[in-house]
């Protein structure tokens, strides 16, 4: 499960746009958009902010961040070993 997809699912279910989320959370929309589009990574601070806003749990976002990083590292090392 990818955290980007899950964030979008939750926002859609709650009827909250990315722009509204960013405005109400006080975060930069282009920055958040880069996270959703995979150009930036989520960080623990954002995970906590999302939880405080009612968008999932910080622990879940943290677990998904770690899973993604481990996947990328395994993929990188698999390529290097070939």
Protein backbone atom coordinates (compact mmCIF):
# COMPACT_ATOMS: atom_id res chain seq x y z
CA UNK A 1 0.00 0.00 0.00
CA UNK A 2 1.37 3.37 -1.00
CA UNK A 3 0.78 6.34 1.28
CA UNK A 4 0.15 8.73 -1.61
CA UNK A 5 -2.77 6.67 -2.87
CA UNK A 6 -4.15 6.30 0.64
CA UNK A 7 -4.03 10.04 1.30
CA UNK A 8 -5.96 10.71 -1.91
CA UNK A 9 -8.54 8.03 -1.02
CA UNK A 10 -9.11 9.56 2.41
CA UNK A 11 -9.36 13.09 1.02
CA UNK A 12 -11.87 11.97 -1.60
CA UNK A 13 -13.91 10.06 0.97
CA UNK A 14 -14.03 13.12 3.23
CA UNK A 15 -14.71 15.48 0.31
CA UNK A 16 -11.60 17.55 1.03
CA UNK A 17 -9.51 19.01 -1.79
CA UNK A 18 -5.73 19.15 -1.62
CA UNK A 19 -5.88 22.94 -1.72
CA UNK A 20 -8.30 23.05 1.22
CA UNK A 21 -6.19 20.59 3.18
CA UNK A 22 -3.05 22.66 2.59
CA UNK A 23 -4.77 25.92 3.42
CA UNK A 24 -6.29 24.61 6.65
CA UNK A 25 -3.11 22.84 7.71
CA UNK A 26 -0.94 25.81 6.81
CA UNK A 27 1.35 23.88 4.49
CA UNK A 28 2.65 24.85 1.07
CA UNK A 29 0.41 23.38 -1.65
CA UNK A 30 3.18 22.92 -4.27
CA UNK A 31 5.22 21.03 -1.64
CA UNK A 32 2.26 18.78 -0.79
CA UNK A 33 1.52 18.24 -4.47
CA UNK A 34 5.11 17.09 -5.01
CA UNK A 35 4.62 14.53 -2.24
CA UNK A 36 1.40 13.26 -3.79
CA UNK A 37 3.07 13.07 -7.22
CA UNK A 38 6.09 11.18 -5.87
CA UNK A 39 8.62 13.98 -6.39
CA UNK A 40 9.14 14.53 -2.65
CA UNK A 41 8.88 12.13 0.27
CA UNK A 42 6.56 12.49 3.21
CA UNK A 43 8.28 13.25 6.50
CA UNK A 44 7.31 12.53 10.13
CA UNK A 45 6.19 16.14 10.70
CA UNK A 46 3.68 15.93 7.85
CA UNK A 47 2.51 12.51 9.09
CA UNK A 48 1.67 14.06 12.47
CA UNK A 49 0.01 17.08 10.83
CA UNK A 50 -2.18 14.78 8.74
CA UNK A 51 -3.24 12.84 11.82
CA UNK A 52 -4.09 16.05 13.67
CA UNK A 53 -6.26 17.04 10.72
CA UNK A 54 -8.02 13.67 10.78
CA UNK A 55 -6.29 12.19 7.75
CA UNK A 56 -5.17 8.77 8.97
CA UNK A 57 -2.74 7.99 11.75
CA UNK A 58 0.85 9.22 11.94
CA UNK A 59 2.03 5.73 12.85
CA UNK A 60 0.45 4.31 9.71
CA UNK A 61 2.01 7.00 7.52
CA UNK A 62 5.36 6.34 9.20
CA UNK A 63 5.12 2.61 8.57
CA UNK A 64 4.23 3.22 4.92
CA UNK A 65 7.15 5.67 4.55
CA UNK A 66 9.55 3.04 5.90
CA UNK A 67 8.08 0.32 3.68
CA UNK A 68 8.55 2.53 0.63
CA UNK A 69 12.13 3.39 1.56
CA UNK A 70 13.00 -0.27 2.16
CA UNK A 71 11.46 -1.21 -1.19
CA UNK A 72 13.51 1.47 -2.96
CA UNK A 73 16.72 0.43 -1.18
CA UNK A 74 16.15 -3.25 -2.02
CA UNK A 75 15.48 -2.33 -5.64
CA UNK A 76 18.62 -0.17 -5.77
CA UNK A 77 20.83 -2.89 -4.28
CA UNK A 78 19.34 -5.58 -6.50
CA UNK A 79 20.33 -3.54 -9.54
CA UNK A 80 23.83 -2.92 -8.17
CA UNK A 81 24.42 -6.64 -7.56
CA UNK A 82 23.62 -7.65 -11.14
